[in-house]
PDB file of all heavy atoms in Angstrom:
ATOM      1  N   GLU A   1      96.691  92.395 129.631  1.00  0.00           N
ATOM      2  CA  GLU A   1      95.255  92.635 129.533  1.00  0.00           C
ATOM      3  C   GLU A   1      95.040  93.635 128.390  1.00  0.00           C
ATOM      4  O   GLU A   1      95.392  93.345 127.256  1.00  0.00           O
ATOM      5  CB  GLU A   1      94.700  93.111 130.881  1.00  0.00           C
ATOM      6  CG  GLU A   1      94.861  92.052 131.976  1.00  0.00           C
ATOM      7  CD  GLU A   1      94.403  92.516 133.338  1.00  0.00           C
ATOM      8  OE1 GLU A   1      94.193  93.742 133.514  1.00  0.00           O
ATOM      9  OE2 GLU A   1      94.249  91.663 134.227  1.00  0.00           O
ATOM     10  N   ASP A   2      94.489  94.802 128.624  1.00  0.00           N
ATOM     11  CA  ASP A   2      94.281  95.765 127.542  1.00  0.00           C
ATOM     12  C   ASP A   2      95.302  96.898 127.573  1.00  0.00           C
ATOM     13  O   ASP A   2      95.143  97.900 126.875  1.00  0.00           O
ATOM     14  CB  ASP A   2      92.867  96.364 127.631  1.00  0.00           C
ATOM     15  CG  ASP A   2      91.793  95.337 127.334  1.00  0.00           C
ATOM     16  OD1 ASP A   2      92.062  94.427 126.530  1.00  0.00           O
ATOM     17  OD2 ASP A   2      90.699  95.449 127.906  1.00  0.00           O
ATOM     18  N   HIS A   3      96.354  96.716 128.360  1.00  0.00           N
ATOM     19  CA  HIS A   3      97.317  97.799 128.552  1.00  0.00           C
ATOM     20  C   HIS A   3      98.578  97.511 127.736  1.00  0.00           C
ATOM     21  O   HIS A   3      99.221  96.477 127.905  1.00  0.00           O
ATOM     22  CB  HIS A   3      97.671  97.934 130.037  1.00  0.00           C
ATOM     23  CG  HIS A   3      98.415  99.182 130.366  1.00  0.00           C
ATOM     24  ND1 HIS A   3      97.786 100.357 130.721  1.00  0.00           N
ATOM     25  CD2 HIS A   3      99.740  99.442 130.377  1.00  0.00           C
ATOM     26  CE1 HIS A   3      98.689 101.290 130.950  1.00  0.00           C
ATOM     27  NE2 HIS A   3      99.891 100.752 130.743  1.00  0.00           N
ATOM     28  N   LEU A   4      98.937  98.432 126.821  1.00  0.00           N
ATOM     29  CA  LEU A   4     100.155  98.281 126.023  1.00  0.00           C
ATOM     30  C   LEU A   4     101.369  98.554 126.903  1.00  0.00           C
ATOM     31  O   LEU A   4     101.508  99.639 127.475  1.00  0.00           O
ATOM     32  CB  LEU A   4     100.143  99.267 124.846  1.00  0.00           C
ATOM     33  CG  LEU A   4     101.378  99.258 123.939  1.00  0.00           C
ATOM     34  CD1 LEU A   4     101.512  97.934 123.199  1.00  0.00           C
ATOM     35  CD2 LEU A   4     101.311 100.422 122.945  1.00  0.00           C
ATOM     36  N   ILE A   5     102.249  97.561 127.027  1.00  0.00           N
ATOM     37  CA  ILE A   5     103.412  97.723 127.912  1.00  0.00           C
ATOM     38  C   ILE A   5     104.738  97.770 127.155  1.00  0.00           C
ATOM     39  O   ILE A   5     105.765  98.129 127.733  1.00  0.00           O
ATOM     40  CB  ILE A   5     103.465  96.612 128.978  1.00  0.00           C
ATOM     41  CG1 ILE A   5     103.561  95.221 128.325  1.00  0.00           C
ATOM     42  CG2 ILE A   5     102.260  96.700 129.902  1.00  0.00           C
ATOM     43  CD1 ILE A   5     103.789  94.113 129.345  1.00  0.00           C
ATOM     44  N   GLY A   6     104.739  97.389 125.876  1.00  0.00           N
ATOM     45  CA  GLY A   6     106.000  97.417 125.143  1.00  0.00           C
ATOM     46  C   GLY A   6     105.876  96.763 123.782  1.00  0.00           C
ATOM     47  O   GLY A   6     104.773  96.420 123.320  1.00  0.00           O
ATOM     48  N   PHE A   7     107.017  96.580 123.143  1.00  0.00           N
ATOM     49  CA  PHE A   7     107.082  95.960 121.824  1.00  0.00           C
ATOM     50  C   PHE A   7     108.290  95.031 121.772  1.00  0.00           C
ATOM     51  O   PHE A   7     109.323  95.297 122.402  1.00  0.00           O
ATOM     52  CB  PHE A   7     107.250  97.017 120.719  1.00  0.00           C
ATOM     53  CG  PHE A   7     106.095  97.963 120.579  1.00  0.00           C
ATOM     54  CD1 PHE A   7     106.012  99.101 121.368  1.00  0.00           C
ATOM     55  CD2 PHE A   7     105.089  97.727 119.657  1.00  0.00           C
ATOM     56  CE1 PHE A   7     104.957  99.987 121.246  1.00  0.00           C
ATOM     57  CE2 PHE A   7     104.024  98.601 119.523  1.00  0.00           C
ATOM     58  CZ  PHE A   7     103.956  99.735 120.323  1.00  0.00           C
ATOM     59  N   SER A   8     108.174  93.968 121.004  1.00  0.00           N
ATOM     60  CA  SER A   8     109.338  93.147 120.661  1.00  0.00           C
ATOM     61  C   SER A   8     109.552  93.251 119.159  1.00  0.00           C
ATOM     62  O   SER A   8     108.597  93.379 118.391  1.00  0.00           O
ATOM     63  CB  SER A   8     109.134  91.691 121.083  1.00  0.00           C
ATOM     64  OG  SER A   8     107.937  91.161 120.536  1.00  0.00           O
ATOM     65  N   GLN A   9     110.818  93.211 118.743  1.00  0.00           N
ATOM     66  CA  GLN A   9     111.149  93.412 117.334  1.00  0.00           C
ATOM     67  C   GLN A   9     112.206  92.414 116.887  1.00  0.00           C
ATOM     68  O   GLN A   9     113.205  92.195 117.575  1.00  0.00           O
ATOM     69  CB  GLN A   9     111.672  94.841 117.109  1.00  0.00           C
ATOM     70  CG  GLN A   9     112.036  95.139 115.671  1.00  0.00           C
ATOM     71  CD  GLN A   9     112.331  96.610 115.403  1.00  0.00           C
ATOM     72  OE1 GLN A   9     112.483  97.023 114.268  1.00  0.00           O
ATOM     73  NE2 GLN A   9     112.391  97.431 116.445  1.00  0.00           N
ATOM     74  N   SER A  10     111.962  91.819 115.735  1.00  0.00           N
ATOM     75  CA  SER A  10     112.909  90.880 115.145  1.00  0.00           C
ATOM     76  C   SER A  10     113.285  91.370 113.759  1.00  0.00           C
ATOM     77  O   SER A  10     112.422  91.596 112.917  1.00  0.00           O
ATOM     78  CB  SER A  10     112.284  89.477 115.057  1.00  0.00           C
ATOM     79  OG  SER A  10     113.123  88.606 114.343  1.00  0.00           O
ATOM     80  N   ASN A  11     114.579  91.524 113.526  1.00  0.00           N
ATOM     81  CA  ASN A  11     115.077  92.036 112.255  1.00  0.00           C
ATOM     82  C   ASN A  11     115.950  90.974 111.592  1.00  0.00           C
ATOM     83  O   ASN A  11     116.953  90.552 112.159  1.00  0.00           O
ATOM     84  CB  ASN A  11     115.898  93.308 112.499  1.00  0.00           C
ATOM     85  CG  ASN A  11     116.517  93.854 111.231  1.00  0.00           C
ATOM     86  OD1 ASN A  11     115.982  93.659 110.147  1.00  0.00           O
ATOM     87  ND2 ASN A  11     117.655  94.514 111.364  1.00  0.00           N
ATOM     88  N   GLY A  12     115.561  90.521 110.407  1.00  0.00           N
ATOM     89  CA  GLY A  12     116.348  89.541 109.682  1.00  0.00           C
ATOM     90  C   GLY A  12     116.676  90.018 108.282  1.00  0.00           C
ATOM     91  O   GLY A  12     115.870  90.693 107.636  1.00  0.00           O
ATOM     92  N   HIS A  13     117.869  89.666 107.815  1.00  0.00           N
ATOM     93  CA  HIS A  13     118.268  90.018 106.443  1.00  0.00           C
ATOM     94  C   HIS A  13     117.712  88.957 105.500  1.00  0.00           C
ATOM     95  O   HIS A  13     118.161  87.812 105.500  1.00  0.00           O
ATOM     96  CB  HIS A  13     119.790  90.090 106.333  1.00  0.00           C
ATOM     97  CG  HIS A  13     120.271  90.527 104.981  1.00  0.00           C
ATOM     98  ND1 HIS A  13     120.961  91.703 104.786  1.00  0.00           N
ATOM     99  CD2 HIS A  13     120.153  89.958 103.753  1.00  0.00           C
ATOM    100  CE1 HIS A  13     121.249  91.824 103.504  1.00  0.00           C
ATOM    101  NE2 HIS A  13     120.774  90.774 102.859  1.00  0.00           N
ATOM    102  N   TRP A  14     116.734  89.333 104.691  1.00  0.00           N
ATOM    103  CA  TRP A  14     116.172  88.417 103.706  1.00  0.00           C
ATOM    104  C   TRP A  14     117.090  88.367 102.498  1.00  0.00           C
ATOM    105  O   TRP A  14     117.597  89.398 102.037  1.00  0.00           O
ATOM    106  CB  TRP A  14     114.774  88.872 103.292  1.00  0.00           C
ATOM    107  CG  TRP A  14     113.758  88.742 104.384  1.00  0.00           C
ATOM    108  CD1 TRP A  14     113.966  88.323 105.665  1.00  0.00           C
ATOM    109  CD2 TRP A  14     112.357  89.048 104.291  1.00  0.00           C
ATOM    110  NE1 TRP A  14     112.794  88.350 106.384  1.00  0.00           N
ATOM    111  CE2 TRP A  14     111.785  88.787 105.561  1.00  0.00           C
ATOM    112  CE3 TRP A  14     111.538  89.514 103.269  1.00  0.00           C
ATOM    113  CZ2 TRP A  14     110.434  88.976 105.820  1.00  0.00           C
ATOM    114  CZ3 TRP A  14     110.195  89.701 103.528  1.00  0.00           C
ATOM    115  CH2 TRP A  14     109.641  89.428 104.790  1.00  0.00           C
ATOM    116  N   SER A  15     117.294  87.190 101.960  1.00  0.00           N
ATOM    117  CA  SER A  15     118.300  87.000 100.911  1.00  0.00           C
ATOM    118  C   SER A  15     117.939  87.693  99.608  1.00  0.00           C
ATOM    119  O   SER A  15     118.818  87.950  98.777  1.00  0.00           O
ATOM    120  CB  SER A  15     118.528  85.512 100.660  1.00  0.00           C
ATOM    121  OG  SER A  15     117.314  84.888 100.284  1.00  0.00           O
ATOM    122  N   ASP A  16     116.666  88.019  99.415  1.00  0.00           N
ATOM    123  CA  ASP A  16     116.271  88.700  98.178  1.00  0.00           C
ATOM    124  C   ASP A  16     114.975  89.468  98.428  1.00  0.00           C
ATOM    125  O   ASP A  16     114.057  88.952  99.068  1.00  0.00           O
ATOM    126  CB  ASP A  16     116.068  87.696  97.044  1.00  0.00           C
ATOM    127  CG  ASP A  16     115.834  88.381  95.703  1.00  0.00           C
ATOM    128  OD1 ASP A  16     116.829  88.723  95.039  1.00  0.00           O
ATOM    129  OD2 ASP A  16     114.672  88.585  95.325  1.00  0.00           O
ATOM    130  N   LEU A  17     114.943  90.703  97.932  1.00  0.00           N
ATOM    131  CA  LEU A  17     113.733  91.533  98.013  1.00  0.00           C
ATOM    132  C   LEU A  17     113.296  91.989  96.631  1.00  0.00           C
ATOM    133  O   LEU A  17     112.653  93.022  96.484  1.00  0.00           O
ATOM    134  CB  LEU A  17     113.993  92.750  98.909  1.00  0.00           C
ATOM    135  CG  LEU A  17     113.496  92.702 100.364  1.00  0.00           C
ATOM    136  CD1 LEU A  17     111.979  92.654 100.422  1.00  0.00           C
ATOM    137  CD2 LEU A  17     114.089  91.539 101.117  1.00  0.00           C
ATOM    138  N   GLY A  18     113.649  91.203  95.606  1.00  0.00           N
ATOM    139  CA  GLY A  18     113.323  91.617  94.254  1.00  0.00           C
ATOM    140  C   GLY A  18     114.376  92.561  93.707  1.00  0.00           C
ATOM    141  O   GLY A  18     115.558  92.477  94.054  1.00  0.00           O
ATOM    142  N   GLY A  19     113.979  93.465  92.851  1.00  0.00           N
ATOM    143  CA  GLY A  19     114.929  94.381  92.247  1.00  0.00           C
ATOM    144  C   GLY A  19     115.569  93.798  91.001  1.00  0.00           C
ATOM    145  O   GLY A  19     115.201  92.727  90.517  1.00  0.00           O
ATOM    146  N   SER A  20     116.570  94.492  90.489  1.00  0.00           N
ATOM    147  CA  SER A  20     117.108  94.188  89.162  1.00  0.00           C
ATOM    148  C   SER A  20     118.104  93.048  89.128  1.00  0.00           C
ATOM    149  O   SER A  20     118.391  92.515  88.060  1.00  0.00           O
ATOM    150  CB  SER A  20     117.751  95.445  88.566  1.00  0.00           C
ATOM    151  OG  SER A  20     118.713  95.977  89.463  1.00  0.00           O
ATOM    152  N   VAL A  21     118.686  92.661  90.303  1.00  0.00           N
ATOM    153  CA  VAL A  21     119.669  91.577  90.313  1.00  0.00           C
ATOM    154  C   VAL A  21     119.387  90.636  91.480  1.00  0.00           C
ATOM    155  O   VAL A  21     118.807  91.041  92.494  1.00  0.00           O
ATOM    156  CB  VAL A  21     121.115  92.115  90.414  1.00  0.00           C
ATOM    157  CG1 VAL A  21     121.457  93.006  89.225  1.00  0.00           C
ATOM    158  CG2 VAL A  21     121.326  92.868  91.722  1.00  0.00           C
ATOM    159  N   PRO A  22     119.795  89.372  91.370  1.00  0.00           N
ATOM    160  CA  PRO A  22     119.646  88.445  92.494  1.00  0.00           C
ATOM    161  C   PRO A  22     120.356  88.980  93.737  1.00  0.00           C
ATOM    162  O   PRO A  22     121.499  89.438  93.677  1.00  0.00           O
ATOM    163  CB  PRO A  22     120.309  87.165  91.980  1.00  0.00           C
ATOM    164  CG  PRO A  22     120.209  87.243  90.494  1.00  0.00           C
ATOM    165  CD  PRO A  22     120.351  88.701  90.174  1.00  0.00           C
ATOM    166  N   GLY A  23     119.669  88.919  94.857  1.00  0.00           N
ATOM    167  CA  GLY A  23     120.215  89.438  96.095  1.00  0.00           C
ATOM    168  C   GLY A  23     119.899  90.892  96.354  1.00  0.00           C
ATOM    169  O   GLY A  23     120.160  91.413  97.433  1.00  0.00           O
ATOM    170  N   SER A  24     119.357  91.590  95.330  1.00  0.00           N
ATOM    171  CA  SER A  24     118.862  92.965  95.474  1.00  0.00           C
ATOM    172  C   SER A  24     119.962  93.988  95.743  1.00  0.00           C
ATOM    173  O   SER A  24     119.704  95.046  96.316  1.00  0.00           O
ATOM    174  CB  SER A  24     117.802  93.029  96.593  1.00  0.00           C
ATOM    175  OG  SER A  24     116.815  92.032  96.412  1.00  0.00           O
ATOM    176  N   PHE A  25     121.204  93.688  95.322  1.00  0.00           N
ATOM    177  CA  PHE A  25     122.307  94.638  95.455  1.00  0.00           C
ATOM    178  C   PHE A  25     122.802  95.006  94.058  1.00  0.00           C
ATOM    179  O   PHE A  25     123.732  94.389  93.533  1.00  0.00           O
ATOM    180  CB  PHE A  25     123.467  94.032  96.255  1.00  0.00           C
ATOM    181  CG  PHE A  25     123.274  94.009  97.739  1.00  0.00           C
ATOM    182  CD1 PHE A  25     122.444  93.083  98.340  1.00  0.00           C
ATOM    183  CD2 PHE A  25     123.956  94.902  98.548  1.00  0.00           C
ATOM    184  CE1 PHE A  25     122.279  93.047  99.706  1.00  0.00           C
ATOM    185  CE2 PHE A  25     123.797  94.876  99.924  1.00  0.00           C
ATOM    186  CZ  PHE A  25     122.954  93.955 100.511  1.00  0.00           C
ATOM    187  N   ASP A  26     122.214  96.002  93.449  1.00  0.00           N
ATOM    188  CA  ASP A  26     122.634  96.458  92.131  1.00  0.00           C
ATOM    189  C   ASP A  26     123.446  97.737  92.320  1.00  0.00           C
ATOM    190  O   ASP A  26     122.894  98.808  92.578  1.00  0.00           O
ATOM    191  CB  ASP A  26     121.413  96.724  91.246  1.00  0.00           C
ATOM    192  CG  ASP A  26     121.792  97.108  89.821  1.00  0.00           C
ATOM    193  OD1 ASP A  26     122.983  97.376  89.573  1.00  0.00           O
ATOM    194  OD2 ASP A  26     120.893  97.150  88.962  1.00  0.00           O
ATOM    195  N   VAL A  27     124.775  97.630  92.197  1.00  0.00           N
ATOM    196  CA  VAL A  27     125.624  98.783  92.509  1.00  0.00           C
ATOM    197  C   VAL A  27     125.380  99.945  91.558  1.00  0.00           C
ATOM    198  O   VAL A  27     125.713 101.091  91.872  1.00  0.00           O
ATOM    199  CB  VAL A  27     127.121  98.401  92.491  1.00  0.00           C
ATOM    200  CG1 VAL A  27     127.429  97.395  93.570  1.00  0.00           C
ATOM    201  CG2 VAL A  27     127.543  97.889  91.123  1.00  0.00           C
ATOM    202  N   ALA A  28     124.804  99.678  90.389  1.00  0.00           N
ATOM    203  CA  ALA A  28     124.551 100.751  89.425  1.00  0.00           C
ATOM    204  C   ALA A  28     123.256 101.495  89.696  1.00  0.00           C
ATOM    205  O   ALA A  28     122.966 102.500  89.039  1.00  0.00           O
ATOM    206  CB  ALA A  28     124.534 100.188  88.007  1.00  0.00           C
ATOM    207  N   ALA A  29     122.463 101.030  90.660  1.00  0.00           N
ATOM    208  CA  ALA A  29     121.189 101.686  90.953  1.00  0.00           C
ATOM    209  C   ALA A  29     121.436 103.074  91.541  1.00  0.00           C
ATOM    210  O   ALA A  29     122.228 103.237  92.471  1.00  0.00           O
ATOM    211  CB  ALA A  29     120.373 100.845  91.922  1.00  0.00           C
ATOM    212  N   ARG A  30     120.740 104.049  91.010  1.00  0.00           N
ATOM    213  CA  ARG A  30     120.818 105.399  91.560  1.00  0.00           C
ATOM    214  C   ARG A  30     119.597 105.718  92.416  1.00  0.00           C
ATOM    215  O   ARG A  30     119.655 106.593  93.274  1.00  0.00           O
ATOM    216  CB  ARG A  30     120.923 106.424  90.431  1.00  0.00           C
ATOM    217  CG  ARG A  30     122.171 106.260  89.565  1.00  0.00           C
ATOM    218  CD  ARG A  30     122.363 107.461  88.662  1.00  0.00           C
ATOM    219  NE  ARG A  30     123.463 107.287  87.750  1.00  0.00           N
ATOM    220  CZ  ARG A  30     124.026 108.274  87.060  1.00  0.00           C
ATOM    221  NH1 ARG A  30     123.549 109.505  87.187  1.00  0.00           N
ATOM    222  NH2 ARG A  30     125.022 108.046  86.236  1.00  0.00           N
ATOM    223  N   GLU A  31     118.502 105.028  92.157  1.00  0.00           N
ATOM    224  CA  GLU A  31     117.274 105.220  92.928  1.00  0.00           C
ATOM    225  C   GLU A  31     116.778 103.866  93.412  1.00  0.00           C
ATOM    226  O   GLU A  31     117.158 102.814  92.889  1.00  0.00           O
ATOM    227  CB  GLU A  31     116.211 105.912  92.079  1.00  0.00           C
ATOM    228  CG  GLU A  31     116.597 107.334  91.678  1.00  0.00           C
ATOM    229  CD  GLU A  31     115.491 108.040  90.915  1.00  0.00           C
ATOM    230  OE1 GLU A  31     114.717 107.352  90.214  1.00  0.00           O
ATOM    231  OE2 GLU A  31     115.390 109.279  91.016  1.00  0.00           O
ATOM    232  N   MET A  32     115.925 103.898  94.415  1.00  0.00           N
ATOM    233  CA  MET A  32     115.499 102.681  95.094  1.00  0.00           C
ATOM    234  C   MET A  32     114.699 101.734  94.219  1.00  0.00           C
ATOM    235  O   MET A  32     114.562 100.559  94.551  1.00  0.00           O
ATOM    236  CB  MET A  32     114.658 103.040  96.323  1.00  0.00           C
ATOM    237  CG  MET A  32     113.417 103.860  95.996  1.00  0.00           C
ATOM    238  SD  MET A  32     112.015 103.584  97.115  1.00  0.00           S
ATOM    239  CE  MET A  32     111.427 101.999  96.592  1.00  0.00           C
ATOM    240  N   PHE A  33     114.188 102.181  93.100  1.00  0.00           N
ATOM    241  CA  PHE A  33     113.263 101.380  92.311  1.00  0.00           C
ATOM    242  C   PHE A  33     113.936 100.157  91.685  1.00  0.00           C
ATOM    243  O   PHE A  33     113.252  99.214  91.282  1.00  0.00           O
ATOM    244  CB  PHE A  33     112.605 102.259  91.235  1.00  0.00           C
ATOM    245  CG  PHE A  33     112.028 103.527  91.814  1.00  0.00           C
ATOM    246  CD1 PHE A  33     112.600 104.750  91.544  1.00  0.00           C
ATOM    247  CD2 PHE A  33     110.944 103.480  92.681  1.00  0.00           C
ATOM    248  CE1 PHE A  33     112.097 105.921  92.096  1.00  0.00           C
ATOM    249  CE2 PHE A  33     110.431 104.640  93.241  1.00  0.00           C
ATOM    250  CZ  PHE A  33     111.007 105.862  92.947  1.00  0.00           C
ATOM    251  N   ARG A  34     115.269 100.152  91.622  1.00  0.00           N
ATOM    252  CA  ARG A  34     115.991  98.979  91.146  1.00  0.00           C
ATOM    253  C   ARG A  34     116.497  98.109  92.289  1.00  0.00           C
ATOM    254  O   ARG A  34     117.104  97.069  92.057  1.00  0.00           O
ATOM    255  CB  ARG A  34     117.173  99.406  90.271  1.00  0.00           C
ATOM    256  CG  ARG A  34     116.759 100.003  88.936  1.00  0.00           C
ATOM    257  CD  ARG A  34     117.933 100.574  88.165  1.00  0.00           C
ATOM    258  NE  ARG A  34     118.944  99.576  87.829  1.00  0.00           N
ATOM    259  CZ  ARG A  34     120.028  99.839  87.092  1.00  0.00           C
ATOM    260  NH1 ARG A  34     120.216 101.065  86.622  1.00  0.00           N
ATOM    261  NH2 ARG A  34     120.906  98.896  86.822  1.00  0.00           N
ATOM    262  N   GLU A  35     116.258  98.543  93.516  1.00  0.00           N
ATOM    263  CA  GLU A  35     116.841  97.840  94.663  1.00  0.00           C
ATOM    264  C   GLU A  35     115.933  96.750  95.227  1.00  0.00           C
ATOM    265  O   GLU A  35     116.424  95.817  95.863  1.00  0.00           O
ATOM    266  CB  GLU A  35     117.151  98.843  95.781  1.00  0.00           C
ATOM    267  CG  GLU A  35     118.209  99.847  95.401  1.00  0.00           C
ATOM    268  CD  GLU A  35     118.578 100.742  96.573  1.00  0.00           C
ATOM    269  OE1 GLU A  35     117.793 101.649  96.902  1.00  0.00           O
ATOM    270  OE2 GLU A  35     119.634 100.521  97.160  1.00  0.00           O
ATOM    271  N   GLY A  36     114.650  96.882  95.065  1.00  0.00           N
ATOM    272  CA  GLY A  36     113.754  95.893  95.634  1.00  0.00           C
ATOM    273  C   GLY A  36     112.545  96.550  96.270  1.00  0.00           C
ATOM    274  O   GLY A  36     112.265  97.731  96.063  1.00  0.00           O
ATOM    275  N   MET A  37     111.842  95.780  97.066  1.00  0.00           N
ATOM    276  CA  MET A  37     110.562  96.217  97.621  1.00  0.00           C
ATOM    277  C   MET A  37     110.745  97.049  98.888  1.00  0.00           C
ATOM    278  O   MET A  37     111.409  96.626  99.835  1.00  0.00           O
ATOM    279  CB  MET A  37     109.703  94.989  97.933  1.00  0.00           C
ATOM    280  CG  MET A  37     108.319  95.340  98.452  1.00  0.00           C
ATOM    281  SD  MET A  37     107.359  93.864  98.823  1.00  0.00           S
ATOM    282  CE  MET A  37     107.293  93.115  97.207  1.00  0.00           C
ATOM    283  N   ARG A  38     110.135  98.213  98.895  1.00  0.00           N
ATOM    284  CA  ARG A  38     110.096  99.051 100.094  1.00  0.00           C
ATOM    285  C   ARG A  38     108.809  98.733 100.846  1.00  0.00           C
ATOM    286  O   ARG A  38     107.710  98.919 100.329  1.00  0.00           O
ATOM    287  CB  ARG A  38     110.143 100.527  99.695  1.00  0.00           C
ATOM    288  CG  ARG A  38     110.060 101.491 100.877  1.00  0.00           C
ATOM    289  CD  ARG A  38     109.877 102.917 100.366  1.00  0.00           C
ATOM    290  NE  ARG A  38     109.873 103.894 101.436  1.00  0.00           N
ATOM    291  CZ  ARG A  38     109.511 105.161 101.287  1.00  0.00           C
ATOM    292  NH1 ARG A  38     109.131 105.601 100.080  1.00  0.00           N
ATOM    293  NH2 ARG A  38     109.531 105.993 102.305  1.00  0.00           N
ATOM    294  N   ILE A  39     108.958  98.267 102.096  1.00  0.00           N
ATOM    295  CA  ILE A  39     107.800  97.898 102.913  1.00  0.00           C
ATOM    296  C   ILE A  39     107.597  98.974 103.973  1.00  0.00           C
ATOM    297  O   ILE A  39     108.360  99.068 104.934  1.00  0.00           O
ATOM    298  CB  ILE A  39     107.987  96.520 103.577  1.00  0.00           C
ATOM    299  CG1 ILE A  39     108.296  95.446 102.530  1.00  0.00           C
ATOM    300  CG2 ILE A  39     106.751  96.137 104.384  1.00  0.00           C
ATOM    301  CD1 ILE A  39     108.682  94.105 103.130  1.00  0.00           C
ATOM    302  N   THR A  40     106.608  99.811 103.764  1.00  0.00           N
ATOM    303  CA  THR A  40     106.204 100.740 104.811  1.00  0.00           C
ATOM    304  C   THR A  40     105.347  99.956 105.809  1.00  0.00           C
ATOM    305  O   THR A  40     104.944  98.834 105.529  1.00  0.00           O
ATOM    306  CB  THR A  40     105.429 101.914 104.208  1.00  0.00           C
ATOM    307  OG1 THR A  40     104.335 101.403 103.441  1.00  0.00           O
ATOM    308  CG2 THR A  40     106.332 102.747 103.298  1.00  0.00           C
ATOM    309  N   PRO A  41     105.056 100.487 107.006  1.00  0.00           N
ATOM    310  CA  PRO A  41     104.405  99.671 108.032  1.00  0.00           C
ATOM    311  C   PRO A  41     103.113  99.002 107.557  1.00  0.00           C
ATOM    312  O   PRO A  41     102.185  99.656 107.073  1.00  0.00           O
ATOM    313  CB  PRO A  41     104.120 100.683 109.149  1.00  0.00           C
ATOM    314  CG  PRO A  41     105.192 101.708 108.996  1.00  0.00           C
ATOM    315  CD  PRO A  41     105.401 101.834 107.518  1.00  0.00           C
ATOM    316  N   ILE A  42     103.083  97.656 107.672  1.00  0.00           N
ATOM    317  CA  ILE A  42     101.901  96.877 107.309  1.00  0.00           C
ATOM    318  C   ILE A  42     101.678  95.798 108.354  1.00  0.00           C
ATOM    319  O   ILE A  42     102.593  95.421 109.082  1.00  0.00           O
ATOM    320  CB  ILE A  42     102.038  96.212 105.919  1.00  0.00           C
ATOM    321  CG1 ILE A  42     103.248  95.287 105.896  1.00  0.00           C
ATOM    322  CG2 ILE A  42     102.124  97.248 104.813  1.00  0.00           C
ATOM    323  CD1 ILE A  42     103.299  94.399 104.677  1.00  0.00           C
ATOM    324  N   ARG A  43     100.449  95.280 108.405  1.00  0.00           N
ATOM    325  CA  ARG A  43     100.140  94.159 109.288  1.00  0.00           C
ATOM    326  C   ARG A  43     100.411  92.840 108.570  1.00  0.00           C
ATOM    327  O   ARG A  43      99.965  92.634 107.452  1.00  0.00           O
ATOM    328  CB  ARG A  43      98.662  94.182 109.690  1.00  0.00           C
ATOM    329  CG  ARG A  43      98.318  95.034 110.882  1.00  0.00           C
ATOM    330  CD  ARG A  43      96.886  94.724 111.334  1.00  0.00           C
ATOM    331  NE  ARG A  43      96.524  95.462 112.528  1.00  0.00           N
ATOM    332  CZ  ARG A  43      95.880  96.625 112.511  1.00  0.00           C
ATOM    333  NH1 ARG A  43      95.537  97.173 111.360  1.00  0.00           N
ATOM    334  NH2 ARG A  43      95.574  97.232 113.642  1.00  0.00           N
ATOM    335  N   LEU A  44     101.129  91.951 109.243  1.00  0.00           N
ATOM    336  CA  LEU A  44     101.267  90.579 108.758  1.00  0.00           C
ATOM    337  C   LEU A  44     100.454  89.601 109.604  1.00  0.00           C
ATOM    338  O   LEU A  44     100.131  88.507 109.149  1.00  0.00           O
ATOM    339  CB  LEU A  44     102.742  90.156 108.749  1.00  0.00           C
ATOM    340  CG  LEU A  44     103.597  90.739 107.625  1.00  0.00           C
ATOM    341  CD1 LEU A  44     105.023  90.221 107.724  1.00  0.00           C
ATOM    342  CD2 LEU A  44     103.010  90.412 106.261  1.00  0.00           C
ATOM    343  N   PHE A  45     100.174  89.984 110.841  1.00  0.00           N
ATOM    344  CA  PHE A  45      99.254  89.232 111.704  1.00  0.00           C
ATOM    345  C   PHE A  45      98.277  90.254 112.284  1.00  0.00           C
ATOM    346  O   PHE A  45      98.690  91.317 112.760  1.00  0.00           O
ATOM    347  CB  PHE A  45      99.996  88.523 112.838  1.00  0.00           C
ATOM    348  CG  PHE A  45     100.841  87.367 112.402  1.00  0.00           C
ATOM    349  CD1 PHE A  45     102.094  87.573 111.852  1.00  0.00           C
ATOM    350  CD2 PHE A  45     100.393  86.056 112.545  1.00  0.00           C
ATOM    351  CE1 PHE A  45     102.889  86.517 111.451  1.00  0.00           C
ATOM    352  CE2 PHE A  45     101.179  84.985 112.151  1.00  0.00           C
ATOM    353  CZ  PHE A  45     102.433  85.214 111.596  1.00  0.00           C
TER     354      PHE A  45
END
């Protein structure tokens, strides 16, 4: 009804999040800006 009772969470490894190399694993990256997209909490639905 209107009562929050819990949360369900699904975590999947996405094959690419952008960044400087395919797969988003650039071993030479020193900061996150070459690694891909950082998603802080957002609504998708």
